[in-house]
Amino acid sequence: MDYMSWGEEYLEEARALKARVDCLRKQLKNATPNEAKELNERITLMYSMYLDCRETGRLLQSFAKERGARHEKETLIS
């Protein structure tokens, strides 16, 4: 698998996590105090996972672009 595709998989997972976090945040409006505490813990964990996936996806795609540019430059020099 190339880095660009790998990065896209991470970004897709980030989008799915963000959608789930948004859904949980909506549930907070009608939650009891105990439920709200549990929801907030889940939201915190999932949001952290979202940020990790988003950053990893961006880094992988950035590396792929950098690597591609470097390869093109080497081809032009040869």
PDB file of N, CA and C in Angstrom:
ATOM      1  N   MET A   1       0.848  -1.183   0.000  1.00  0.00           N
ATOM      2  CA  MET A   1       0.000   0.000   0.000  1.00  0.00           C
ATOM      3  C   MET A   1       0.890   1.242   0.000  1.00  0.00           C
ATOM      4  N   ASP A   2       0.488   2.242  -0.749  1.00  0.00           N
ATOM      5  CA  ASP A   2       1.276   3.467  -0.772  1.00  0.00           C
ATOM      6  C   ASP A   2       0.850   4.394   0.377  1.00  0.00           C
ATOM      7  N   TYR A   3       1.717   5.338   0.682  1.00  0.00           N
ATOM      8  CA  TYR A   3       1.481   6.227   1.821  1.00  0.00           C
ATOM      9  C   TYR A   3       0.237   7.096   1.645  1.00  0.00           C
ATOM     10  N   MET A   4      -0.059   7.489   0.418  1.00  0.00           N
ATOM     11  CA  MET A   4      -1.236   8.326   0.177  1.00  0.00           C
ATOM     12  C   MET A   4      -2.515   7.554   0.526  1.00  0.00           C
ATOM     13  N   SER A   5      -2.612   6.307   0.083  1.00  0.00           N
ATOM     14  CA  SER A   5      -3.792   5.483   0.388  1.00  0.00           C
ATOM     15  C   SER A   5      -3.877   5.174   1.874  1.00  0.00           C
ATOM     16  N   TRP A   6      -2.748   4.887   2.446  1.00  0.00           N
ATOM     17  CA  TRP A   6      -2.687   4.600   3.874  1.00  0.00           C
ATOM     18  C   TRP A   6      -3.166   5.818   4.663  1.00  0.00           C
ATOM     19  N   GLY A   7      -2.698   6.986   4.260  1.00  0.00           N
ATOM     20  CA  GLY A   7      -3.130   8.219   4.907  1.00  0.00           C
ATOM     21  C   GLY A   7      -4.623   8.435   4.761  1.00  0.00           C
ATOM     22  N   GLU A   8      -5.161   8.114   3.585  1.00  0.00           N
ATOM     23  CA  GLU A   8      -6.598   8.276   3.354  1.00  0.00           C
ATOM     24  C   GLU A   8      -7.409   7.359   4.268  1.00  0.00           C
ATOM     25  N   GLU A   9      -6.913   6.159   4.516  1.00  0.00           N
ATOM     26  CA  GLU A   9      -7.607   5.253   5.437  1.00  0.00           C
ATOM     27  C   GLU A   9      -7.669   5.854   6.839  1.00  0.00           C
ATOM     28  N   TYR A  10      -6.574   6.440   7.272  1.00  0.00           N
ATOM     29  CA  TYR A  10      -6.567   7.092   8.586  1.00  0.00           C
ATOM     30  C   TYR A  10      -7.543   8.264   8.607  1.00  0.00           C
ATOM     31  N   LEU A  11      -7.593   9.040   7.531  1.00  0.00           N
ATOM     32  CA  LEU A  11      -8.499  10.182   7.485  1.00  0.00           C
ATOM     33  C   LEU A  11      -9.960   9.734   7.450  1.00  0.00           C
ATOM     34  N   GLU A  12     -10.242   8.629   6.777  1.00  0.00           N
ATOM     35  CA  GLU A  12     -11.606   8.079   6.781  1.00  0.00           C
ATOM     36  C   GLU A  12     -12.004   7.653   8.190  1.00  0.00           C
ATOM     37  N   GLU A  13     -11.086   7.009   8.886  1.00  0.00           N
ATOM     38  CA  GLU A  13     -11.363   6.590  10.268  1.00  0.00           C
ATOM     39  C   GLU A  13     -11.560   7.813  11.160  1.00  0.00           C
ATOM     40  N   ALA A  14     -10.787   8.860  10.915  1.00  0.00           N
ATOM     41  CA  ALA A  14     -10.941  10.100  11.682  1.00  0.00           C
ATOM     42  C   ALA A  14     -12.335  10.682  11.470  1.00  0.00           C
ATOM     43  N   ARG A  15     -12.802  10.680  10.223  1.00  0.00           N
ATOM     44  CA  ARG A  15     -14.149  11.202   9.938  1.00  0.00           C
ATOM     45  C   ARG A  15     -15.224  10.379  10.647  1.00  0.00           C
ATOM     46  N   ALA A  16     -15.052   9.067  10.660  1.00  0.00           N
ATOM     47  CA  ALA A  16     -16.024   8.196  11.341  1.00  0.00           C
ATOM     48  C   ALA A  16     -16.028   8.467  12.846  1.00  0.00           C
ATOM     49  N   LEU A  17     -14.844   8.626  13.421  1.00  0.00           N
ATOM     50  CA  LEU A  17     -14.752   8.926  14.858  1.00  0.00           C
ATOM     51  C   LEU A  17     -15.389  10.276  15.169  1.00  0.00           C
ATOM     52  N   LYS A  18     -15.145  11.270  14.314  1.00  0.00           N
ATOM     53  CA  LYS A  18     -15.711  12.607  14.530  1.00  0.00           C
ATOM     54  C   LYS A  18     -17.232  12.553  14.463  1.00  0.00           C
ATOM     55  N   ALA A  19     -17.768  11.789  13.529  1.00  0.00           N
ATOM     56  CA  ALA A  19     -19.226  11.651  13.420  1.00  0.00           C
ATOM     57  C   ALA A  19     -19.796  11.019  14.685  1.00  0.00           C
ATOM     58  N   ARG A  20     -19.099  10.030  15.216  1.00  0.00           N
ATOM     59  CA  ARG A  20     -19.557   9.369  16.449  1.00  0.00           C
ATOM     60  C   ARG A  20     -19.488  10.333  17.632  1.00  0.00           C
ATOM     61  N   VAL A  21     -18.420  11.113  17.710  1.00  0.00           N
ATOM     62  CA  VAL A  21     -18.282  12.104  18.785  1.00  0.00           C
ATOM     63  C   VAL A  21     -19.424  13.119  18.700  1.00  0.00           C
ATOM     64  N   ASP A  22     -19.725  13.583  17.499  1.00  0.00           N
ATOM     65  CA  ASP A  22     -20.824  14.542  17.324  1.00  0.00           C
ATOM     66  C   ASP A  22     -22.154  13.947  17.783  1.00  0.00           C
ATOM     67  N   CYS A  23     -22.361  12.678  17.475  1.00  0.00           N
ATOM     68  CA  CYS A  23     -23.583  11.981  17.895  1.00  0.00           C
ATOM     69  C   CYS A  23     -23.656  11.900  19.424  1.00  0.00           C
ATOM     70  N   LEU A  24     -22.546  11.554  20.052  1.00  0.00           N
ATOM     71  CA  LEU A  24     -22.514  11.465  21.516  1.00  0.00           C
ATOM     72  C   LEU A  24     -22.753  12.827  22.157  1.00  0.00           C
ATOM     73  N   ARG A  25     -22.229  13.876  21.549  1.00  0.00           N
ATOM     74  CA  ARG A  25     -22.439  15.228  22.089  1.00  0.00           C
ATOM     75  C   ARG A  25     -23.916  15.612  22.054  1.00  0.00           C
ATOM     76  N   LYS A  26     -24.615  15.183  21.010  1.00  0.00           N
ATOM     77  CA  LYS A  26     -26.054  15.452  20.930  1.00  0.00           C
ATOM     78  C   LYS A  26     -26.802  14.727  22.044  1.00  0.00           C
ATOM     79  N   GLN A  27     -26.329  13.522  22.386  1.00  0.00           N
ATOM     80  CA  GLN A  27     -26.969  12.748  23.451  1.00  0.00           C
ATOM     81  C   GLN A  27     -26.796  13.418  24.813  1.00  0.00           C
ATOM     82  N   LEU A  28     -25.769  14.230  24.954  1.00  0.00           N
ATOM     83  CA  LEU A  28     -25.524  14.916  26.231  1.00  0.00           C
ATOM     84  C   LEU A  28     -26.690  15.813  26.633  1.00  0.00           C
ATOM     85  N   LYS A  29     -27.376  16.375  25.641  1.00  0.00           N
ATOM     86  CA  LYS A  29     -28.457  17.320  25.921  1.00  0.00           C
ATOM     87  C   LYS A  29     -29.565  16.707  26.770  1.00  0.00           C
ATOM     88  N   ASN A  30     -29.817  15.420  26.587  1.00  0.00           N
ATOM     89  CA  ASN A  30     -30.908  14.758  27.306  1.00  0.00           C
ATOM     90  C   ASN A  30     -30.419  13.770  28.360  1.00  0.00           C
ATOM     91  N   ALA A  31     -29.146  13.811  28.664  1.00  0.00           N
ATOM     92  CA  ALA A  31     -28.565  12.826  29.584  1.00  0.00           C
ATOM     93  C   ALA A  31     -28.731  13.250  31.041  1.00  0.00           C
ATOM     94  N   THR A  32     -28.862  12.252  31.900  1.00  0.00           N
ATOM     95  CA  THR A  32     -28.847  12.502  33.342  1.00  0.00           C
ATOM     96  C   THR A  32     -27.400  12.828  33.731  1.00  0.00           C
ATOM     97  N   PRO A  33     -27.188  13.366  34.921  1.00  0.00           N
ATOM     98  CA  PRO A  33     -25.813  13.683  35.335  1.00  0.00           C
ATOM     99  C   PRO A  33     -24.857  12.481  35.263  1.00  0.00           C
ATOM    100  N   ASN A  34     -25.321  11.311  35.684  1.00  0.00           N
ATOM    101  CA  ASN A  34     -24.461  10.120  35.610  1.00  0.00           C
ATOM    102  C   ASN A  34     -24.170   9.731  34.163  1.00  0.00           C
ATOM    103  N   GLU A  35     -25.208   9.777  33.342  1.00  0.00           N
ATOM    104  CA  GLU A  35     -25.018   9.459  31.921  1.00  0.00           C
ATOM    105  C   GLU A  35     -24.086  10.475  31.262  1.00  0.00           C
ATOM    106  N   ALA A  36     -24.251  11.735  31.637  1.00  0.00           N
ATOM    107  CA  ALA A  36     -23.412  12.790  31.066  1.00  0.00           C
ATOM    108  C   ALA A  36     -21.940  12.569  31.403  1.00  0.00           C
ATOM    109  N   LYS A  37     -21.685  12.133  32.630  1.00  0.00           N
ATOM    110  CA  LYS A  37     -20.301  11.861  33.037  1.00  0.00           C
ATOM    111  C   LYS A  37     -19.702  10.761  32.167  1.00  0.00           C
ATOM    112  N   GLU A  38     -20.454   9.677  31.986  1.00  0.00           N
ATOM    113  CA  GLU A  38     -19.979   8.561  31.157  1.00  0.00           C
ATOM    114  C   GLU A  38     -19.803   8.986  29.701  1.00  0.00           C
ATOM    115  N   LEU A  39     -20.765   9.752  29.200  1.00  0.00           N
ATOM    116  CA  LEU A  39     -20.667  10.227  27.820  1.00  0.00           C
ATOM    117  C   LEU A  39     -19.443  11.119  27.632  1.00  0.00           C
ATOM    118  N   ASN A  40     -19.209  11.999  28.591  1.00  0.00           N
ATOM    119  CA  ASN A  40     -18.044  12.886  28.486  1.00  0.00           C
ATOM    120  C   ASN A  40     -16.736  12.108  28.486  1.00  0.00           C
ATOM    121  N   GLU A  41     -16.674  11.040  29.264  1.00  0.00           N
ATOM    122  CA  GLU A  41     -15.469  10.202  29.266  1.00  0.00           C
ATOM    123  C   GLU A  41     -15.274   9.550  27.904  1.00  0.00           C
ATOM    124  N   ARG A  42     -16.357   9.040  27.336  1.00  0.00           N
ATOM    125  CA  ARG A  42     -16.275   8.416  26.004  1.00  0.00           C
ATOM    126  C   ARG A  42     -15.905   9.446  24.942  1.00  0.00           C
ATOM    127  N   ILE A  43     -16.516  10.621  25.039  1.00  0.00           N
ATOM    128  CA  ILE A  43     -16.231  11.684  24.073  1.00  0.00           C
ATOM    129  C   ILE A  43     -14.760  12.075  24.134  1.00  0.00           C
ATOM    130  N   THR A  44     -14.238  12.221  25.334  1.00  0.00           N
ATOM    131  CA  THR A  44     -12.830  12.599  25.500  1.00  0.00           C
ATOM    132  C   THR A  44     -11.905  11.567  24.865  1.00  0.00           C
ATOM    133  N   LEU A  45     -12.170  10.303  25.125  1.00  0.00           N
ATOM    134  CA  LEU A  45     -11.340   9.234  24.563  1.00  0.00           C
ATOM    135  C   LEU A  45     -11.449   9.190  23.038  1.00  0.00           C
ATOM    136  N   MET A  46     -12.672   9.232  22.535  1.00  0.00           N
ATOM    137  CA  MET A  46     -12.869   9.143  21.088  1.00  0.00           C
ATOM    138  C   MET A  46     -12.335  10.373  20.365  1.00  0.00           C
ATOM    139  N   TYR A  47     -12.436  11.536  20.989  1.00  0.00           N
ATOM    140  CA  TYR A  47     -11.914  12.748  20.363  1.00  0.00           C
ATOM    141  C   TYR A  47     -10.393  12.680  20.269  1.00  0.00           C
ATOM    142  N   SER A  48      -9.772  12.134  21.283  1.00  0.00           N
ATOM    143  CA  SER A  48      -8.321  11.939  21.254  1.00  0.00           C
ATOM    144  C   SER A  48      -7.935  10.981  20.123  1.00  0.00           C
ATOM    145  N   MET A  49      -8.703   9.920  19.965  1.00  0.00           N
ATOM    146  CA  MET A  49      -8.457   8.965  18.873  1.00  0.00           C
ATOM    147  C   MET A  49      -8.645   9.653  17.519  1.00  0.00           C
ATOM    148  N   TYR A  50      -9.671  10.491  17.422  1.00  0.00           N
ATOM    149  CA  TYR A  50      -9.926  11.249  16.194  1.00  0.00           C
ATOM    150  C   TYR A  50      -8.723  12.119  15.837  1.00  0.00           C
ATOM    151  N   LEU A  51      -8.216  12.860  16.832  1.00  0.00           N
ATOM    152  CA  LEU A  51      -7.065  13.730  16.578  1.00  0.00           C
ATOM    153  C   LEU A  51      -5.840  12.931  16.148  1.00  0.00           C
ATOM    154  N   ASP A  52      -5.618  11.789  16.785  1.00  0.00           N
ATOM    155  CA  ASP A  52      -4.482  10.929  16.413  1.00  0.00           C
ATOM    156  C   ASP A  52      -4.615  10.431  14.974  1.00  0.00           C
ATOM    157  N   CYS A  53      -5.795   9.961  14.613  1.00  0.00           N
ATOM    158  CA  CYS A  53      -6.011   9.462  13.248  1.00  0.00           C
ATOM    159  C   CYS A  53      -5.860  10.581  12.223  1.00  0.00           C
ATOM    160  N   ARG A  54      -6.412  11.738  12.529  1.00  0.00           N
ATOM    161  CA  ARG A  54      -6.327  12.869  11.602  1.00  0.00           C
ATOM    162  C   ARG A  54      -4.874  13.280  11.384  1.00  0.00           C
ATOM    163  N   GLU A  55      -4.127  13.389  12.463  1.00  0.00           N
ATOM    164  CA  GLU A  55      -2.723  13.795  12.361  1.00  0.00           C
ATOM    165  C   GLU A  55      -1.897  12.744  11.621  1.00  0.00           C
ATOM    166  N   THR A  56      -2.111  11.472  11.930  1.00  0.00           N
ATOM    167  CA  THR A  56      -1.371  10.397  11.264  1.00  0.00           C
ATOM    168  C   THR A  56      -1.685  10.384   9.770  1.00  0.00           C
ATOM    169  N   GLY A  57      -2.952  10.527   9.418  1.00  0.00           N
ATOM    170  CA  GLY A  57      -3.340  10.563   8.008  1.00  0.00           C
ATOM    171  C   GLY A  57      -2.692  11.711   7.268  1.00  0.00           C
ATOM    172  N   ARG A  58      -2.695  12.878   7.882  1.00  0.00           N
ATOM    173  CA  ARG A  58      -2.072  14.051   7.254  1.00  0.00           C
ATOM    174  C   ARG A  58      -0.565  13.862   7.093  1.00  0.00           C
ATOM    175  N   LEU A  59       0.069  13.313   8.118  1.00  0.00           N
ATOM    176  CA  LEU A  59       1.513  13.086   8.040  1.00  0.00           C
ATOM    177  C   LEU A  59       1.861  12.078   6.948  1.00  0.00           C
ATOM    178  N   LEU A  60       1.106  10.993   6.861  1.00  0.00           N
ATOM    179  CA  LEU A  60       1.360   9.991   5.827  1.00  0.00           C
ATOM    180  C   LEU A  60       1.196  10.584   4.432  1.00  0.00           C
ATOM    181  N   GLN A  61       0.153  11.370   4.233  1.00  0.00           N
ATOM    182  CA  GLN A  61      -0.059  11.965   2.918  1.00  0.00           C
ATOM    183  C   GLN A  61       0.992  13.023   2.607  1.00  0.00           C
ATOM    184  N   SER A  62       1.391  13.762   3.608  1.00  0.00           N
ATOM    185  CA  SER A  62       2.458  14.746   3.422  1.00  0.00           C
ATOM    186  C   SER A  62       3.757  14.051   3.027  1.00  0.00           C
ATOM    187  N   PHE A  63       4.050  12.943   3.696  1.00  0.00           N
ATOM    188  CA  PHE A  63       5.249  12.171   3.374  1.00  0.00           C
ATOM    189  C   PHE A  63       5.172  11.650   1.941  1.00  0.00           C
ATOM    190  N   ALA A  64       3.992  11.189   1.533  1.00  0.00           N
ATOM    191  CA  ALA A  64       3.818  10.674   0.170  1.00  0.00           C
ATOM    192  C   ALA A  64       4.066  11.774  -0.858  1.00  0.00           C
ATOM    193  N   LYS A  65       3.551  12.972  -0.595  1.00  0.00           N
ATOM    194  CA  LYS A  65       3.750  14.096  -1.519  1.00  0.00           C
ATOM    195  C   LYS A  65       5.219  14.487  -1.578  1.00  0.00           C
ATOM    196  N   GLU A  66       5.857  14.552  -0.408  1.00  0.00           N
ATOM    197  CA  GLU A  66       7.276  14.891  -0.332  1.00  0.00           C
ATOM    198  C   GLU A  66       8.108  13.866  -1.089  1.00  0.00           C
ATOM    199  N   ARG A  67       7.793  12.621  -0.864  1.00  0.00           N
ATOM    200  CA  ARG A  67       8.514  11.520  -1.497  1.00  0.00           C
ATOM    201  C   ARG A  67       8.319  11.563  -3.013  1.00  0.00           C
ATOM    202  N   GLY A  68       7.104  11.864  -3.444  1.00  0.00           N
ATOM    203  CA  GLY A  68       6.817  11.973  -4.873  1.00  0.00           C
ATOM    204  C   GLY A  68       7.565  13.127  -5.507  1.00  0.00           C
ATOM    205  N   ALA A  69       7.610  14.268  -4.814  1.00  0.00           N
ATOM    206  CA  ALA A  69       8.328  15.433  -5.326  1.00  0.00           C
ATOM    207  C   ALA A  69       9.821  15.138  -5.408  1.00  0.00           C
ATOM    208  N   ARG A  70      10.337  14.457  -4.404  1.00  0.00           N
ATOM    209  CA  ARG A  70      11.759  14.101  -4.384  1.00  0.00           C
ATOM    210  C   ARG A  70      12.071  13.156  -5.540  1.00  0.00           C
ATOM    211  N   HIS A  71      11.175  12.199  -5.776  1.00  0.00           N
ATOM    212  CA  HIS A  71      11.370  11.230  -6.862  1.00  0.00           C
ATOM    213  C   HIS A  71      11.357  11.942  -8.218  1.00  0.00           C
ATOM    214  N   GLU A  72      10.429  12.897  -8.393  1.00  0.00           N
ATOM    215  CA  GLU A  72      10.363  13.655  -9.644  1.00  0.00           C
ATOM    216  C   GLU A  72      11.640  14.453  -9.861  1.00  0.00           C
ATOM    217  N   LYS A  73      12.136  15.074  -8.789  1.00  0.00           N
ATOM    218  CA  LYS A  73      13.358  15.866  -8.884  1.00  0.00           C
ATOM    219  C   LYS A  73      14.534  14.975  -9.277  1.00  0.00           C
ATOM    220  N   GLU A  74      14.630  13.801  -8.679  1.00  0.00           N
ATOM    221  CA  GLU A  74      15.712  12.868  -8.994  1.00  0.00           C
ATOM    222  C   GLU A  74      15.614  12.403 -10.442  1.00  0.00           C
ATOM    223  N   THR A  75      14.406  12.219 -10.935  1.00  0.00           N
ATOM    224  CA  THR A  75      14.200  11.790 -12.315  1.00  0.00           C
ATOM    225  C   THR A  75      14.644  12.884 -13.283  1.00  0.00           C
ATOM    226  N   LEU A  76      14.343  14.135 -12.953  1.00  0.00           N
ATOM    227  CA  LEU A  76      14.738  15.253 -13.806  1.00  0.00           C
ATOM    228  C   LEU A  76      16.254  15.417 -13.849  1.00  0.00           C
ATOM    229  N   ILE A  77      16.907  15.177 -12.735  1.00  0.00           N
ATOM    230  CA  ILE A  77      18.360  15.324 -12.645  1.00  0.00           C
ATOM    231  C   ILE A  77      19.060  14.213 -13.425  1.00  0.00           C
ATOM    232  N   SER A  78      18.509  13.027 -13.410  1.00  0.00           N
ATOM    233  CA  SER A  78      19.155  11.870 -14.058  1.00  0.00           C
ATOM    234  C   SER A  78      19.231  11.996 -15.536  1.00  0.00           C
TER     235      SER A  78
END
